[in-house]
Amino acid sequence: MEDKIKQVLEEYGLTESLLTKEELEELKEEIVAKEQGFEVLDGVLATPSLYYRKK
């Protein structure tokens, strides 16, 4: 699961250190949901404040 999280974050140009523990847990749930065939419409990575933390 850690590799999948890192891969998803790399696709968005982010790192694990930018996310809170809660956000990481939610991201894990989203990855599992996608693997089960669900579509995540408004996930953790859709939060604009996450990208402001990057700066």
N, C-alpha and C. Protein backbone atom coordinates (compact mmCIF):
# COMPACT_ATOMS: atom_id res chain seq x y z
N MET A 1 0.83 -1.20 0.00
CA MET A 1 0.00 0.00 0.00
C MET A 1 0.87 1.26 0.00
N GLU A 2 1.99 1.22 0.71
CA GLU A 2 2.87 2.39 0.76
C GLU A 2 3.37 2.77 -0.63
N ASP A 3 3.70 1.77 -1.43
CA ASP A 3 4.17 2.04 -2.79
C ASP A 3 3.09 2.69 -3.63
N LYS A 4 1.85 2.23 -3.45
CA LYS A 4 0.73 2.80 -4.21
C LYS A 4 0.50 4.25 -3.81
N ILE A 5 0.61 4.53 -2.51
CA ILE A 5 0.43 5.90 -2.03
C ILE A 5 1.51 6.80 -2.63
N LYS A 6 2.75 6.35 -2.57
CA LYS A 6 3.85 7.14 -3.12
C LYS A 6 3.67 7.38 -4.61
N GLN A 7 3.21 6.36 -5.32
CA GLN A 7 3.00 6.48 -6.77
C GLN A 7 1.92 7.52 -7.07
N VAL A 8 0.81 7.46 -6.34
CA VAL A 8 -0.28 8.42 -6.56
C VAL A 8 0.19 9.83 -6.24
N LEU A 9 0.91 10.00 -5.14
CA LEU A 9 1.39 11.32 -4.76
C LEU A 9 2.40 11.86 -5.77
N GLU A 10 3.25 10.99 -6.29
CA GLU A 10 4.22 11.42 -7.31
C GLU A 10 3.53 11.91 -8.57
N GLU A 11 2.41 11.28 -8.92
CA GLU A 11 1.65 11.71 -10.10
C GLU A 11 1.16 13.14 -9.94
N TYR A 12 0.91 13.56 -8.69
CA TYR A 12 0.43 14.90 -8.42
C TYR A 12 1.55 15.85 -7.99
N GLY A 13 2.77 15.35 -7.94
CA GLY A 13 3.90 16.17 -7.54
C GLY A 13 3.93 16.46 -6.06
N LEU A 14 3.41 15.54 -5.25
CA LEU A 14 3.34 15.72 -3.80
C LEU A 14 4.16 14.65 -3.08
N THR A 15 4.33 14.85 -1.77
CA THR A 15 5.01 13.86 -0.94
C THR A 15 4.14 13.55 0.27
N GLU A 16 4.44 12.43 0.93
CA GLU A 16 3.67 12.03 2.10
C GLU A 16 3.76 13.05 3.22
N SER A 17 4.87 13.74 3.32
CA SER A 17 5.07 14.70 4.41
C SER A 17 4.11 15.89 4.34
N LEU A 18 3.52 16.13 3.18
CA LEU A 18 2.57 17.24 3.03
C LEU A 18 1.18 16.90 3.55
N LEU A 19 0.89 15.62 3.71
CA LEU A 19 -0.44 15.18 4.14
C LEU A 19 -0.46 14.89 5.64
N THR A 20 -1.60 15.15 6.26
CA THR A 20 -1.78 14.78 7.66
C THR A 20 -2.07 13.29 7.75
N LYS A 21 -2.05 12.75 8.95
CA LYS A 21 -2.35 11.33 9.14
C LYS A 21 -3.75 11.01 8.64
N GLU A 22 -4.69 11.90 8.91
CA GLU A 22 -6.07 11.70 8.47
C GLU A 22 -6.17 11.69 6.96
N GLU A 23 -5.46 12.59 6.31
CA GLU A 23 -5.48 12.65 4.85
C GLU A 23 -4.85 11.40 4.24
N LEU A 24 -3.79 10.90 4.86
CA LEU A 24 -3.17 9.67 4.37
C LEU A 24 -4.12 8.49 4.49
N GLU A 25 -4.84 8.41 5.61
CA GLU A 25 -5.81 7.33 5.80
C GLU A 25 -6.92 7.42 4.76
N GLU A 26 -7.38 8.65 4.51
CA GLU A 26 -8.44 8.84 3.51
C GLU A 26 -7.94 8.48 2.11
N LEU A 27 -6.70 8.81 1.83
CA LEU A 27 -6.11 8.46 0.53
C LEU A 27 -6.03 6.95 0.37
N LYS A 28 -5.67 6.24 1.44
CA LYS A 28 -5.64 4.78 1.40
C LYS A 28 -7.02 4.23 1.06
N GLU A 29 -8.05 4.79 1.70
CA GLU A 29 -9.42 4.35 1.44
C GLU A 29 -9.81 4.62 -0.01
N GLU A 30 -9.38 5.75 -0.55
CA GLU A 30 -9.69 6.09 -1.94
C GLU A 30 -9.00 5.12 -2.90
N ILE A 31 -7.77 4.75 -2.60
CA ILE A 31 -7.05 3.81 -3.46
C ILE A 31 -7.76 2.46 -3.46
N VAL A 32 -8.19 2.01 -2.28
CA VAL A 32 -8.91 0.74 -2.18
C VAL A 32 -10.21 0.82 -2.97
N ALA A 33 -10.92 1.94 -2.85
CA ALA A 33 -12.19 2.11 -3.57
C ALA A 33 -11.96 2.06 -5.08
N LYS A 34 -10.91 2.71 -5.55
CA LYS A 34 -10.60 2.69 -6.99
C LYS A 34 -10.28 1.28 -7.46
N GLU A 35 -9.56 0.53 -6.62
CA GLU A 35 -9.23 -0.85 -6.98
C GLU A 35 -10.48 -1.72 -7.06
N GLN A 36 -11.52 -1.35 -6.31
CA GLN A 36 -12.77 -2.09 -6.31
C GLN A 36 -13.71 -1.63 -7.42
N GLY A 37 -13.26 -0.66 -8.21
CA GLY A 37 -14.04 -0.22 -9.36
C GLY A 37 -14.87 1.04 -9.13
N PHE A 38 -14.73 1.65 -7.96
CA PHE A 38 -15.46 2.89 -7.69
C PHE A 38 -14.70 4.07 -8.25
N GLU A 39 -15.42 5.16 -8.48
CA GLU A 39 -14.82 6.40 -8.96
C GLU A 39 -14.86 7.41 -7.82
N VAL A 40 -13.73 7.98 -7.47
CA VAL A 40 -13.64 8.98 -6.40
C VAL A 40 -13.78 10.35 -7.05
N LEU A 41 -14.83 11.07 -6.68
CA LEU A 41 -15.10 12.35 -7.32
C LEU A 41 -14.44 13.53 -6.60
N ASP A 42 -14.46 13.53 -5.29
CA ASP A 42 -13.92 14.66 -4.53
C ASP A 42 -13.03 14.11 -3.43
N GLY A 43 -11.83 13.71 -3.80
CA GLY A 43 -10.94 13.06 -2.87
C GLY A 43 -9.98 14.01 -2.18
N VAL A 44 -9.09 13.42 -1.43
CA VAL A 44 -8.09 14.17 -0.68
C VAL A 44 -7.25 15.05 -1.60
N LEU A 45 -6.88 14.52 -2.73
CA LEU A 45 -5.99 15.25 -3.63
C LEU A 45 -6.70 16.35 -4.42
N ALA A 46 -8.00 16.48 -4.23
CA ALA A 46 -8.76 17.55 -4.88
C ALA A 46 -8.89 18.77 -3.98
N THR A 47 -8.22 18.75 -2.83
CA THR A 47 -8.29 19.84 -1.87
C THR A 47 -7.25 20.91 -2.21
N PRO A 48 -7.70 22.11 -2.56
CA PRO A 48 -6.75 23.16 -2.96
C PRO A 48 -5.74 23.52 -1.86
N SER A 49 -6.14 23.47 -0.60
CA SER A 49 -5.23 23.85 0.48
C SER A 49 -3.99 22.95 0.52
N LEU A 50 -4.13 21.74 0.05
CA LEU A 50 -3.00 20.81 0.00
C LEU A 50 -1.88 21.37 -0.88
N TYR A 51 -2.24 21.98 -1.97
CA TYR A 51 -1.23 22.51 -2.89
C TYR A 51 -0.62 23.81 -2.39
N TYR A 52 -1.35 24.55 -1.56
CA TYR A 52 -0.78 25.76 -0.96
C TYR A 52 0.27 25.40 0.08
N ARG A 53 0.10 24.25 0.75
CA ARG A 53 1.09 23.80 1.73
C ARG A 53 2.42 23.50 1.06
N LYS A 54 2.36 23.14 -0.20
CA LYS A 54 3.57 22.75 -0.94
C LYS A 54 4.53 23.92 -1.10
N LYS A 55 4.02 25.12 -1.15
CA LYS A 55 4.86 26.30 -1.40
C LYS A 55 5.64 26.73 -0.19
